[in-house]
Amino acid sequence: MSIHYAAWPRNRSVTVLLRTALWGLLALGCSDASHRLGGERGDAISGATHSGLCSAGADVEFIDQMEDGDGTIDMTAQRGGAWFSFNDKTAGSQLPAADAETFVMSEVVPPRSGSHYAARSHGGGFTIWGAGIGFELYSQKAYDLSRYAGITFWARRAPETASALRFAVTDSATAPRGGRCQTCSDYFGSDLRLSTAFRRYSFTWDELEQEGWGEPPSDSLDTARVYGVRFQTDPIEEFDFWIDDIALLCHAD
């Protein structure tokens, strides 16, 4: 089965330049240790007390814990999708490769609070809109997330690599397959600035925003028709980032 992804529109390059300039200004006033994004928290989300099914009263419901080491998300609440790599197809390099048959999780050394595996992508040299990784929630069909409050995950980067990472959720209003957008792929998400240590990021759905170049613009994420999740780097820079323990928030906290 082949999966095709639309390239970012040209005017996203302007957004990338503005974002880079903004992070440069932020760096003057705060280090990796002190830079806190909206929605970020540092507490653990594993453990029987807090995780499980939202319908059974849990605080979080895992999408993928990565501990099985394979490239598919957990088959919970009728979800069933696969991780993939993607890039702008310029002369860069990326692992796992975008054309790889399977996506293999990477070992976390040393383990993070009992977590031994995470999704990782590393490479660089792409020149148009960059590269990234992501997953589908339901084999390229829309999945209903409206009963959940938001999403949470852990992320880090390797030393001497890009800290910028765009986290985004693809829905029927912004993805080409939804048939509702003219200029597509301006997904709802948030710009992250990763540290070399794992940090937890949590967002309610209303905290996610478009970058502003998609047409027509959307008022909010269509949580009833979500396709998947993406993590994307900017072009040129070397990148090496890790994503772990991604889960759905059962209620706003």
C-alpha atoms as a PDB file:
ATOM      1  CA  MET A   1       0.000   0.000   0.000  1.00  0.00           C
ATOM      2  CA  SER A   2       1.465   3.326  -0.977  1.00  0.00           C
ATOM      3  CA  ILE A   3       0.788   6.544   0.938  1.00  0.00           C
ATOM      4  CA  HIS A   4       1.068   9.924  -0.735  1.00  0.00           C
ATOM      5  CA  TYR A   5       1.550  13.227   1.061  1.00  0.00           C
ATOM      6  CA  ALA A   6       1.016  16.690  -0.397  1.00  0.00           C
ATOM      7  CA  ALA A   7       3.979  19.074  -0.325  1.00  0.00           C
ATOM      8  CA  TRP A   8       3.724  22.180   1.825  1.00  0.00           C
ATOM      9  CA  PRO A   9       2.611  25.218  -0.211  1.00  0.00           C
ATOM     10  CA  ARG A  10       5.331  27.704  -1.156  1.00  0.00           C
ATOM     11  CA  ASN A  11       4.180  30.358   1.283  1.00  0.00           C
ATOM     12  CA  ARG A  12       5.079  28.109   4.195  1.00  0.00           C
ATOM     13  CA  SER A  13       8.716  29.106   3.632  1.00  0.00           C
ATOM     14  CA  VAL A  14       7.818  32.586   4.840  1.00  0.00           C
ATOM     15  CA  THR A  15       6.381  31.069   8.006  1.00  0.00           C
ATOM     16  CA  VAL A  16       9.588  29.074   8.526  1.00  0.00           C
ATOM     17  CA  LEU A  17      11.728  32.234   8.278  1.00  0.00           C
ATOM     18  CA  LEU A  18       9.523  34.150  10.711  1.00  0.00           C
ATOM     19  CA  ARG A  19       9.488  31.227  13.134  1.00  0.00           C
ATOM     20  CA  THR A  20      13.292  30.949  13.018  1.00  0.00           C
ATOM     21  CA  ALA A  21      13.648  34.653  13.762  1.00  0.00           C
ATOM     22  CA  LEU A  22      11.223  34.384  16.679  1.00  0.00           C
ATOM     23  CA  TRP A  23      13.077  31.467  18.234  1.00  0.00           C
ATOM     24  CA  GLY A  24      16.305  33.442  17.882  1.00  0.00           C
ATOM     25  CA  LEU A  25      14.791  36.222  19.976  1.00  0.00           C
ATOM     26  CA  LEU A  26      13.459  33.742  22.533  1.00  0.00           C
ATOM     27  CA  ALA A  27      16.879  32.163  22.855  1.00  0.00           C
ATOM     28  CA  LEU A  28      18.304  35.491  24.007  1.00  0.00           C
ATOM     29  CA  GLY A  29      16.124  35.386  27.088  1.00  0.00           C
ATOM     30  CA  CYS A  30      15.863  31.711  28.013  1.00  0.00           C
ATOM     31  CA  SER A  31      17.784  28.474  27.791  1.00  0.00           C
ATOM     32  CA  ASP A  32      16.506  25.004  26.926  1.00  0.00           C
ATOM     33  CA  ALA A  33      15.972  24.400  30.622  1.00  0.00           C
ATOM     34  CA  SER A  34      13.790  27.443  31.145  1.00  0.00           C
ATOM     35  CA  HIS A  35      11.907  27.692  27.848  1.00  0.00           C
ATOM     36  CA  ARG A  36       8.362  26.488  28.557  1.00  0.00           C
ATOM     37  CA  LEU A  37       5.725  26.209  25.863  1.00  0.00           C
ATOM     38  CA  GLY A  38       2.030  26.523  26.530  1.00  0.00           C
ATOM     39  CA  GLY A  39       0.598  23.162  27.496  1.00  0.00           C
ATOM     40  CA  GLU A  40       3.932  21.597  28.446  1.00  0.00           C
ATOM     41  CA  ARG A  41       4.134  19.611  31.660  1.00  0.00           C
ATOM     42  CA  GLY A  42       6.847  17.574  33.283  1.00  0.00           C
ATOM     43  CA  ASP A  43       4.902  14.856  35.132  1.00  0.00           C
ATOM     44  CA  ALA A  44       4.813  11.173  34.189  1.00  0.00           C
ATOM     45  CA  ILE A  45       1.825   9.664  32.429  1.00  0.00           C
ATOM     46  CA  SER A  46       2.541   5.978  32.909  1.00  0.00           C
ATOM     47  CA  GLY A  47       1.104   3.788  35.650  1.00  0.00           C
ATOM     48  CA  ALA A  48      -2.154   1.922  36.266  1.00  0.00           C
ATOM     49  CA  THR A  49      -3.562   4.747  38.392  1.00  0.00           C
ATOM     50  CA  HIS A  50      -3.638   7.240  35.526  1.00  0.00           C
ATOM     51  CA  SER A  51      -3.647   5.320  32.232  1.00  0.00           C
ATOM     52  CA  GLY A  52      -6.257   3.065  30.678  1.00  0.00           C
ATOM     53  CA  LEU A  53      -9.473   3.665  28.784  1.00  0.00           C
ATOM     54  CA  CYS A  54     -11.039   7.088  29.066  1.00  0.00           C
ATOM     55  CA  SER A  55     -14.445   5.394  29.087  1.00  0.00           C
ATOM     56  CA  ALA A  56     -13.362   3.551  32.240  1.00  0.00           C
ATOM     57  CA  GLY A  57     -12.340   6.708  34.088  1.00  0.00           C
ATOM     58  CA  ALA A  58      -8.637   6.933  33.222  1.00  0.00           C
ATOM     59  CA  ASP A  59      -6.746  10.211  32.956  1.00  0.00           C
ATOM     60  CA  VAL A  60      -4.969   9.290  29.706  1.00  0.00           C
ATOM     61  CA  GLU A  61      -5.537   6.673  27.011  1.00  0.00           C
ATOM     62  CA  PHE A  62      -2.404   5.619  25.151  1.00  0.00           C
ATOM     63  CA  ILE A  63      -2.201   5.827  21.367  1.00  0.00           C
ATOM     64  CA  ASP A  64       1.234   4.182  21.339  1.00  0.00           C
ATOM     65  CA  GLN A  65       3.721   3.361  24.101  1.00  0.00           C
ATOM     66  CA  MET A  66       6.266   2.065  21.539  1.00  0.00           C
ATOM     67  CA  GLU A  67       7.364  -0.736  23.876  1.00  0.00           C
ATOM     68  CA  ASP A  68       6.467  -3.452  21.358  1.00  0.00           C
ATOM     69  CA  GLY A  69       9.131  -1.964  19.070  1.00  0.00           C
ATOM     70  CA  ASP A  70       7.019  -2.174  15.917  1.00  0.00           C
ATOM     71  CA  GLY A  71       5.725   0.552  13.638  1.00  0.00           C
ATOM     72  CA  THR A  72       2.020   0.273  14.400  1.00  0.00           C
ATOM     73  CA  ILE A  73       0.071   2.146  17.065  1.00  0.00           C
ATOM     74  CA  ASP A  74      -1.700   0.308  19.869  1.00  0.00           C
ATOM     75  CA  MET A  75      -4.972  -1.293  18.760  1.00  0.00           C
ATOM     76  CA  THR A  76      -7.120   0.492  21.352  1.00  0.00           C
ATOM     77  CA  ALA A  77     -10.676   1.825  20.919  1.00  0.00           C
ATOM     78  CA  GLN A  78     -10.749   0.562  17.304  1.00  0.00           C
ATOM     79  CA  ARG A  79      -7.661   2.571  16.330  1.00  0.00           C
ATOM     80  CA  GLY A  80      -5.189   0.875  14.031  1.00  0.00           C
ATOM     81  CA  GLY A  81      -2.600   2.814  12.047  1.00  0.00           C
ATOM     82  CA  ALA A  82       1.076   2.746  11.149  1.00  0.00           C
ATOM     83  CA  TRP A  83       4.012   5.105  11.683  1.00  0.00           C
ATOM     84  CA  PHE A  84       5.721   6.530   8.591  1.00  0.00           C
ATOM     85  CA  SER A  85       8.485   8.917   7.547  1.00  0.00           C
ATOM     86  CA  PHE A  86       8.014  11.720   5.018  1.00  0.00           C
ATOM     87  CA  ASN A  87      10.111  14.488   3.436  1.00  0.00           C
ATOM     88  CA  ASP A  88      10.135  17.015   0.597  1.00  0.00           C
ATOM     89  CA  LYS A  89      12.089  14.629  -1.700  1.00  0.00           C
ATOM     90  CA  THR A  90      15.043  17.000  -2.169  1.00  0.00           C
ATOM     91  CA  ALA A  91      18.652  15.809  -1.798  1.00  0.00           C
ATOM     92  CA  GLY A  92      18.547  15.246   1.964  1.00  0.00           C
ATOM     93  CA  SER A  93      18.894  12.150   4.093  1.00  0.00           C
ATOM     94  CA  GLN A  94      16.484  10.665   6.631  1.00  0.00           C
ATOM     95  CA  LEU A  95      16.221   7.573   8.801  1.00  0.00           C
ATOM     96  CA  PRO A  96      13.897   5.745   8.931  1.00  0.00           C
ATOM     97  CA  ALA A  97      13.696   6.259   5.185  1.00  0.00           C
ATOM     98  CA  ALA A  98      10.437   7.496   3.685  1.00  0.00           C
ATOM     99  CA  ASP A  99      10.305   4.489   1.358  1.00  0.00           C
ATOM    100  CA  ALA A 100      11.067   1.893   4.050  1.00  0.00           C
ATOM    101  CA  GLU A 101       8.594  -0.987   4.217  1.00  0.00           C
ATOM    102  CA  THR A 102       8.467  -0.891   8.012  1.00  0.00           C
ATOM    103  CA  PHE A 103       9.036   1.715  10.721  1.00  0.00           C
ATOM    104  CA  VAL A 104      11.181   0.340  13.545  1.00  0.00           C
ATOM    105  CA  MET A 105      11.234   1.962  16.993  1.00  0.00           C
ATOM    106  CA  SER A 106      14.586   3.000  18.485  1.00  0.00           C
ATOM    107  CA  GLU A 107      15.941   1.931  21.860  1.00  0.00           C
ATOM    108  CA  VAL A 108      16.068   4.647  24.525  1.00  0.00           C
ATOM    109  CA  VAL A 109      19.456   4.507  26.320  1.00  0.00           C
ATOM    110  CA  PRO A 110      19.246   4.959  29.245  1.00  0.00           C
ATOM    111  CA  PRO A 111      15.535   4.141  29.589  1.00  0.00           C
ATOM    112  CA  ARG A 112      13.155   6.968  30.510  1.00  0.00           C
ATOM    113  CA  SER A 113      11.111   6.027  33.578  1.00  0.00           C
ATOM    114  CA  GLY A 114      10.690   2.462  32.366  1.00  0.00           C
ATOM    115  CA  SER A 115      10.296   3.386  28.691  1.00  0.00           C
ATOM    116  CA  HIS A 116      12.761   1.464  26.537  1.00  0.00           C
ATOM    117  CA  TYR A 117      11.642   2.402  22.997  1.00  0.00           C
ATOM    118  CA  ALA A 118      10.567   5.561  21.177  1.00  0.00           C
ATOM    119  CA  ALA A 119       9.919   6.793  17.640  1.00  0.00           C
ATOM    120  CA  ARG A 120      13.035   8.519  16.263  1.00  0.00           C
ATOM    121  CA  SER A 121      13.939  10.339  13.059  1.00  0.00           C
ATOM    122  CA  HIS A 122      17.328  11.783  12.147  1.00  0.00           C
ATOM    123  CA  GLY A 123      18.958  13.285   9.078  1.00  0.00           C
ATOM    124  CA  GLY A 124      19.136  16.655   7.360  1.00  0.00           C
ATOM    125  CA  GLY A 125      19.785  18.594   4.179  1.00  0.00           C
ATOM    126  CA  PHE A 126      16.217  18.935   2.866  1.00  0.00           C
ATOM    127  CA  THR A 127      15.699  22.281   1.156  1.00  0.00           C
ATOM    128  CA  ILE A 128      11.983  22.996   0.560  1.00  0.00           C
ATOM    129  CA  TRP A 129       9.853  22.266   3.634  1.00  0.00           C
ATOM    130  CA  GLY A 130      11.786  19.633   5.540  1.00  0.00           C
ATOM    131  CA  ALA A 131      11.038  16.148   6.848  1.00  0.00           C
ATOM    132  CA  GLY A 132       9.273  14.344   9.631  1.00  0.00           C
ATOM    133  CA  ILE A 133       7.427  11.332  10.964  1.00  0.00           C
ATOM    134  CA  GLY A 134       3.815  10.623  11.823  1.00  0.00           C
ATOM    135  CA  PHE A 135       1.117   8.005  12.068  1.00  0.00           C
ATOM    136  CA  GLU A 136      -2.433   7.308  10.944  1.00  0.00           C
ATOM    137  CA  LEU A 137      -5.164   6.675  13.503  1.00  0.00           C
ATOM    138  CA  TYR A 138      -7.345   4.422  11.388  1.00  0.00           C
ATOM    139  CA  SER A 139      -5.670   3.255   8.157  1.00  0.00           C
ATOM    140  CA  GLN A 140      -6.137   6.543   6.245  1.00  0.00           C
ATOM    141  CA  LYS A 141      -9.777   6.892   7.259  1.00  0.00           C
ATOM    142  CA  ALA A 142     -11.101   9.608   9.563  1.00  0.00           C
ATOM    143  CA  TYR A 143     -11.270   8.785  13.274  1.00  0.00           C
ATOM    144  CA  ASP A 144     -13.487  10.468  15.872  1.00  0.00           C
ATOM    145  CA  LEU A 145     -11.489  12.143  18.676  1.00  0.00           C
ATOM    146  CA  SER A 146     -14.299  14.448  19.812  1.00  0.00           C
ATOM    147  CA  ARG A 147     -14.828  12.469  23.033  1.00  0.00           C
ATOM    148  CA  TYR A 148     -11.255  13.218  24.133  1.00  0.00           C
ATOM    149  CA  ALA A 149      -9.942  16.502  25.586  1.00  0.00           C
ATOM    150  CA  GLY A 150      -6.575  16.641  23.852  1.00  0.00           C
ATOM    151  CA  ILE A 151      -3.237  14.932  23.350  1.00  0.00           C
ATOM    152  CA  THR A 152       0.036  14.446  25.245  1.00  0.00           C
ATOM    153  CA  PHE A 153       3.482  13.035  24.455  1.00  0.00           C
ATOM    154  CA  TRP A 154       7.151  13.167  25.431  1.00  0.00           C
ATOM    155  CA  ALA A 155       9.856  14.524  23.100  1.00  0.00           C
ATOM    156  CA  ARG A 156      13.550  15.356  23.023  1.00  0.00           C
ATOM    157  CA  ARG A 157      16.342  16.068  20.539  1.00  0.00           C
ATOM    158  CA  ALA A 158      19.976  14.999  20.286  1.00  0.00           C
ATOM    159  CA  PRO A 159      22.713  17.530  21.152  1.00  0.00           C
ATOM    160  CA  GLU A 160      23.876  19.837  18.342  1.00  0.00           C
ATOM    161  CA  THR A 161      20.730  19.262  16.283  1.00  0.00           C
ATOM    162  CA  ALA A 162      17.715  21.433  15.455  1.00  0.00           C
ATOM    163  CA  SER A 163      15.380  22.247  18.344  1.00  0.00           C
ATOM    164  CA  ALA A 164      12.485  23.363  16.114  1.00  0.00           C
ATOM    165  CA  LEU A 165       9.701  20.834  15.597  1.00  0.00           C
ATOM    166  CA  ARG A 166       6.147  21.358  14.324  1.00  0.00           C
ATOM    167  CA  PHE A 167       3.572  19.079  15.951  1.00  0.00           C
ATOM    168  CA  ALA A 168       0.323  18.859  13.962  1.00  0.00           C
ATOM    169  CA  VAL A 169      -2.955  16.973  13.745  1.00  0.00           C
ATOM    170  CA  THR A 170      -4.408  16.294  10.296  1.00  0.00           C
ATOM    171  CA  ASP A 171      -8.182  16.615   9.907  1.00  0.00           C
ATOM    172  CA  SER A 172     -10.839  16.700   7.189  1.00  0.00           C
ATOM    173  CA  ALA A 173     -10.659  20.504   6.865  1.00  0.00           C
ATOM    174  CA  THR A 174      -6.889  20.710   6.270  1.00  0.00           C
ATOM    175  CA  ALA A 175      -5.834  17.419   4.634  1.00  0.00           C
ATOM    176  CA  PRO A 176      -6.196  17.035   0.842  1.00  0.00           C
ATOM    177  CA  ARG A 177      -8.150  13.799   1.254  1.00  0.00           C
ATOM    178  CA  GLY A 178     -10.856  15.668   3.192  1.00  0.00           C
ATOM    179  CA  GLY A 179     -11.919  17.523   0.040  1.00  0.00           C
ATOM    180  CA  ARG A 180     -12.649  20.762   1.926  1.00  0.00           C
ATOM    181  CA  CYS A 181      -9.457  22.803   1.415  1.00  0.00           C
ATOM    182  CA  GLN A 182      -8.138  24.653  -1.635  1.00  0.00           C
ATOM    183  CA  THR A 183      -4.657  25.314  -0.229  1.00  0.00           C
ATOM    184  CA  CYS A 184      -4.175  22.260   1.943  1.00  0.00           C
ATOM    185  CA  SER A 185      -1.802  20.945   4.632  1.00  0.00           C
ATOM    186  CA  ASP A 186      -1.985  23.970   6.960  1.00  0.00           C
ATOM    187  CA  TYR A 187      -2.711  21.599   9.818  1.00  0.00           C
ATOM    188  CA  PHE A 188      -3.719  22.540  13.355  1.00  0.00           C
ATOM    189  CA  GLY A 189      -0.728  22.192  15.656  1.00  0.00           C
ATOM    190  CA  SER A 190       1.944  23.879  17.717  1.00  0.00           C
ATOM    191  CA  ASP A 191       5.583  24.886  17.236  1.00  0.00           C
ATOM    192  CA  LEU A 192       7.802  23.089  19.747  1.00  0.00           C
ATOM    193  CA  ARG A 193      11.327  23.885  20.848  1.00  0.00           C
ATOM    194  CA  LEU A 194      12.871  20.650  22.012  1.00  0.00           C
ATOM    195  CA  SER A 195      15.385  20.184  24.800  1.00  0.00           C
ATOM    196  CA  THR A 196      18.065  17.492  24.887  1.00  0.00           C
ATOM    197  CA  ALA A 197      16.167  15.986  27.842  1.00  0.00           C
ATOM    198  CA  PHE A 198      12.753  14.385  27.465  1.00  0.00           C
ATOM    199  CA  ARG A 199       9.866  16.730  28.290  1.00  0.00           C
ATOM    200  CA  ARG A 200       6.159  16.153  28.274  1.00  0.00           C
ATOM    201  CA  TYR A 201       3.960  18.273  25.997  1.00  0.00           C
ATOM    202  CA  SER A 202       0.183  18.384  26.501  1.00  0.00           C
ATOM    203  CA  PHE A 203      -2.404  20.251  24.450  1.00  0.00           C
ATOM    204  CA  THR A 204      -6.164  20.525  24.555  1.00  0.00           C
ATOM    205  CA  TRP A 205      -7.681  20.642  21.077  1.00  0.00           C
ATOM    206  CA  ASP A 206      -8.483  24.360  21.306  1.00  0.00           C
ATOM    207  CA  GLU A 207      -4.812  25.167  21.954  1.00  0.00           C
ATOM    208  CA  LEU A 208      -3.824  23.937  18.479  1.00  0.00           C
ATOM    209  CA  GLU A 209      -3.677  26.509  15.685  1.00  0.00           C
ATOM    210  CA  GLN A 210      -3.033  26.697  11.953  1.00  0.00           C
ATOM    211  CA  GLU A 211       0.037  28.558  10.705  1.00  0.00           C
ATOM    212  CA  GLY A 212      -2.209  30.857   8.675  1.00  0.00           C
ATOM    213  CA  TRP A 213      -1.560  30.174   4.990  1.00  0.00           C
ATOM    214  CA  GLY A 214      -4.218  27.523   4.314  1.00  0.00           C
ATOM    215  CA  GLU A 215      -7.350  28.295   2.306  1.00  0.00           C
ATOM    216  CA  PRO A 216     -10.018  28.470   3.402  1.00  0.00           C
ATOM    217  CA  PRO A 217      -8.983  28.960   7.038  1.00  0.00           C
ATOM    218  CA  SER A 218     -10.767  26.840   9.643  1.00  0.00           C
ATOM    219  CA  ASP A 219     -12.229  28.017  12.924  1.00  0.00           C
ATOM    220  CA  SER A 220     -11.083  24.950  14.842  1.00  0.00           C
ATOM    221  CA  LEU A 221      -9.784  21.412  14.529  1.00  0.00           C
ATOM    222  CA  ASP A 222     -12.447  19.005  13.270  1.00  0.00           C
ATOM    223  CA  THR A 223     -11.993  16.533  16.128  1.00  0.00           C
ATOM    224  CA  ALA A 224     -14.735  14.252  14.805  1.00  0.00           C
ATOM    225  CA  ARG A 225     -12.749  13.618  11.593  1.00  0.00           C
ATOM    226  CA  VAL A 226      -9.034  13.270  12.371  1.00  0.00           C
ATOM    227  CA  TYR A 227      -6.644  11.322  10.152  1.00  0.00           C
ATOM    228  CA  GLY A 228      -3.422  11.318  12.119  1.00  0.00           C
ATOM    229  CA  VAL A 229      -0.510  13.107  13.769  1.00  0.00           C
ATOM    230  CA  ARG A 230       2.725  14.540  12.344  1.00  0.00           C
ATOM    231  CA  PHE A 231       6.039  15.819  13.711  1.00  0.00           C
ATOM    232  CA  GLN A 232       7.953  17.904  11.162  1.00  0.00           C
ATOM    233  CA  THR A 233      11.324  19.673  11.126  1.00  0.00           C
ATOM    234  CA  ASP A 234      12.304  22.740   9.131  1.00  0.00           C
ATOM    235  CA  PRO A 235      14.570  22.449   6.048  1.00  0.00           C
ATOM    236  CA  ILE A 236      18.388  22.702   5.906  1.00  0.00           C
ATOM    237  CA  GLU A 237      19.190  21.927   9.551  1.00  0.00           C
ATOM    238  CA  GLU A 238      20.403  18.592  10.881  1.00  0.00           C
ATOM    239  CA  PHE A 239      17.706  16.929  12.986  1.00  0.00           C
ATOM    240  CA  ASP A 240      17.538  14.045  15.439  1.00  0.00           C
ATOM    241  CA  PHE A 241      14.379  13.892  17.539  1.00  0.00           C
ATOM    242  CA  TRP A 242      12.529  11.329  19.633  1.00  0.00           C
ATOM    243  CA  ILE A 243       8.794  10.950  20.381  1.00  0.00           C
ATOM    244  CA  ASP A 244       7.568   8.697  23.189  1.00  0.00           C
ATOM    245  CA  ASP A 245       4.392   7.637  25.036  1.00  0.00           C
ATOM    246  CA  ILE A 246       1.816   9.512  22.971  1.00  0.00           C
ATOM    247  CA  ALA A 247      -1.647   9.457  24.522  1.00  0.00           C
ATOM    248  CA  LEU A 248      -5.050  11.108  24.508  1.00  0.00           C
ATOM    249  CA  LEU A 249      -6.207  13.307  27.389  1.00  0.00           C
ATOM    250  CA  CYS A 250      -9.425  12.021  28.875  1.00  0.00           C
ATOM    251  CA  HIS A 251     -10.312  15.406  30.361  1.00  0.00           C
ATOM    252  CA  ALA A 252      -8.797  18.896  30.417  1.00  0.00           C
ATOM    253  CA  ASP A 253      -6.379  19.326  33.332  1.00  0.00           C
END
